[in-house]
Amino acid sequence: MTSLNKLQILLRDLFQFDLSDLDFGIYRLLRLKKDEIEAFLTEQLPQVKHRGS
């Protein structure tokens, strides 16, 4: 498992999309933006080069 995969898993856990009881405040906004966040994690994040490499 690469460091990118670990970061993606960590961010998905952090956003907690799968918890239906979290339907208030910031969690509601994150759920509304789920598709955009997922696109960032799978498409844009892998394209970011490591700084200092």
N, C-alpha and C. Protein backbone atom coordinates (compact mmCIF):
# COMPACT_ATOMS: atom_id res chain seq x y z
N MET A 1 0.85 -1.17 0.00
CA MET A 1 0.00 0.00 0.00
C MET A 1 0.89 1.24 0.00
N THR A 2 0.59 2.14 -0.91
CA THR A 2 1.41 3.34 -1.03
C THR A 2 0.96 4.40 -0.02
N SER A 3 1.79 5.40 0.13
CA SER A 3 1.42 6.50 1.04
C SER A 3 0.20 7.25 0.51
N LEU A 4 0.03 7.32 -0.81
CA LEU A 4 -1.15 7.95 -1.39
C LEU A 4 -2.41 7.19 -1.00
N ASN A 5 -2.37 5.86 -1.09
CA ASN A 5 -3.52 5.05 -0.70
C ASN A 5 -3.85 5.25 0.78
N LYS A 6 -2.84 5.30 1.60
CA LYS A 6 -3.06 5.50 3.04
C LYS A 6 -3.71 6.85 3.30
N LEU A 7 -3.26 7.89 2.59
CA LEU A 7 -3.83 9.22 2.74
C LEU A 7 -5.29 9.24 2.29
N GLN A 8 -5.59 8.60 1.16
CA GLN A 8 -6.96 8.55 0.67
C GLN A 8 -7.88 7.85 1.67
N ILE A 9 -7.44 6.76 2.23
CA ILE A 9 -8.23 6.03 3.22
C ILE A 9 -8.43 6.88 4.46
N LEU A 10 -7.39 7.54 4.91
CA LEU A 10 -7.48 8.40 6.08
C LEU A 10 -8.48 9.54 5.86
N LEU A 11 -8.43 10.17 4.70
CA LEU A 11 -9.35 11.27 4.40
C LEU A 11 -10.79 10.78 4.30
N ARG A 12 -11.00 9.62 3.70
CA ARG A 12 -12.37 9.06 3.63
C ARG A 12 -12.90 8.78 5.03
N ASP A 13 -12.06 8.24 5.90
CA ASP A 13 -12.46 8.00 7.29
C ASP A 13 -12.77 9.31 8.00
N LEU A 14 -11.97 10.31 7.74
CA LEU A 14 -12.16 11.61 8.37
C LEU A 14 -13.50 12.24 7.96
N PHE A 15 -13.87 12.15 6.69
CA PHE A 15 -15.10 12.75 6.22
C PHE A 15 -16.34 11.97 6.64
N GLN A 16 -16.20 10.70 6.98
CA GLN A 16 -17.28 9.86 7.52
C GLN A 16 -18.55 9.92 6.69
N PHE A 17 -18.45 9.65 5.40
CA PHE A 17 -19.60 9.68 4.51
C PHE A 17 -20.62 8.60 4.83
N ASP A 18 -20.17 7.49 5.37
CA ASP A 18 -21.05 6.33 5.53
C ASP A 18 -21.86 6.33 6.84
N LEU A 19 -21.69 7.31 7.68
CA LEU A 19 -22.42 7.36 8.95
C LEU A 19 -23.71 8.17 8.78
N SER A 20 -24.84 7.48 8.70
CA SER A 20 -26.11 8.15 8.45
C SER A 20 -26.57 8.99 9.63
N ASP A 21 -26.11 8.69 10.85
CA ASP A 21 -26.54 9.47 12.01
C ASP A 21 -25.87 10.84 12.07
N LEU A 22 -24.86 11.07 11.25
CA LEU A 22 -24.21 12.38 11.18
C LEU A 22 -24.85 13.17 10.04
N ASP A 23 -26.00 13.77 10.29
CA ASP A 23 -26.71 14.52 9.27
C ASP A 23 -27.02 15.92 9.78
N PHE A 24 -25.97 16.61 10.22
CA PHE A 24 -26.13 17.97 10.72
C PHE A 24 -24.85 18.75 10.46
N GLY A 25 -24.97 20.06 10.42
CA GLY A 25 -23.82 20.94 10.31
C GLY A 25 -22.87 20.60 9.19
N ILE A 26 -21.59 20.52 9.53
CA ILE A 26 -20.54 20.29 8.53
C ILE A 26 -20.68 18.93 7.84
N TYR A 27 -21.20 17.94 8.56
CA TYR A 27 -21.37 16.62 7.96
C TYR A 27 -22.41 16.64 6.85
N ARG A 28 -23.46 17.44 7.01
CA ARG A 28 -24.47 17.57 5.96
C ARG A 28 -23.83 18.22 4.73
N LEU A 29 -23.02 19.24 4.94
CA LEU A 29 -22.35 19.90 3.81
C LEU A 29 -21.38 18.95 3.11
N LEU A 30 -20.64 18.17 3.89
CA LEU A 30 -19.70 17.22 3.30
C LEU A 30 -20.43 16.16 2.49
N ARG A 31 -21.58 15.72 2.99
CA ARG A 31 -22.36 14.72 2.27
C ARG A 31 -22.87 15.30 0.95
N LEU A 32 -23.26 16.57 0.95
CA LEU A 32 -23.71 17.21 -0.29
C LEU A 32 -22.58 17.33 -1.30
N LYS A 33 -21.35 17.48 -0.81
CA LYS A 33 -20.18 17.64 -1.68
C LYS A 33 -19.42 16.34 -1.87
N LYS A 34 -20.02 15.22 -1.50
CA LYS A 34 -19.33 13.93 -1.52
C LYS A 34 -18.73 13.61 -2.90
N ASP A 35 -19.48 13.83 -3.97
CA ASP A 35 -18.98 13.52 -5.31
C ASP A 35 -17.75 14.37 -5.65
N GLU A 36 -17.77 15.63 -5.29
CA GLU A 36 -16.63 16.50 -5.56
C GLU A 36 -15.42 16.09 -4.73
N ILE A 37 -15.64 15.74 -3.48
CA ILE A 37 -14.55 15.31 -2.62
C ILE A 37 -13.95 14.00 -3.13
N GLU A 38 -14.81 13.07 -3.52
CA GLU A 38 -14.33 11.79 -4.05
C GLU A 38 -13.54 12.00 -5.34
N ALA A 39 -14.00 12.91 -6.19
CA ALA A 39 -13.26 13.21 -7.43
C ALA A 39 -11.89 13.79 -7.10
N PHE A 40 -11.82 14.64 -6.09
CA PHE A 40 -10.53 15.18 -5.67
C PHE A 40 -9.61 14.06 -5.20
N LEU A 41 -10.14 13.17 -4.36
CA LEU A 41 -9.31 12.10 -3.80
C LEU A 41 -8.80 11.14 -4.87
N THR A 42 -9.62 10.86 -5.87
CA THR A 42 -9.24 9.85 -6.86
C THR A 42 -8.58 10.41 -8.11
N GLU A 43 -8.87 11.67 -8.45
CA GLU A 43 -8.34 12.22 -9.69
C GLU A 43 -7.28 13.30 -9.49
N GLN A 44 -7.56 14.27 -8.62
CA GLN A 44 -6.65 15.40 -8.47
C GLN A 44 -5.50 15.13 -7.51
N LEU A 45 -5.79 14.50 -6.40
CA LEU A 45 -4.75 14.25 -5.40
C LEU A 45 -3.59 13.42 -5.94
N PRO A 46 -3.85 12.36 -6.73
CA PRO A 46 -2.71 11.60 -7.27
C PRO A 46 -1.80 12.40 -8.20
N GLN A 47 -2.31 13.49 -8.76
CA GLN A 47 -1.51 14.30 -9.67
C GLN A 47 -0.59 15.29 -8.97
N VAL A 48 -0.84 15.50 -7.68
CA VAL A 48 -0.02 16.44 -6.90
C VAL A 48 1.34 15.79 -6.66
N LYS A 49 2.39 16.48 -7.02
CA LYS A 49 3.74 15.95 -6.82
C LYS A 49 4.20 16.25 -5.41
N HIS A 50 5.03 15.36 -4.90
CA HIS A 50 5.60 15.57 -3.56
C HIS A 50 6.49 16.79 -3.58
N ARG A 51 6.32 17.63 -2.58
CA ARG A 51 7.21 18.79 -2.44
C ARG A 51 8.55 18.31 -1.90
N GLY A 52 9.60 18.83 -2.43
CA GLY A 52 10.93 18.48 -1.99
C GLY A 52 11.48 17.25 -2.69
N SER A 53 10.72 16.68 -3.65
CA SER A 53 11.20 15.50 -4.37
C SER A 53 12.04 15.91 -5.56
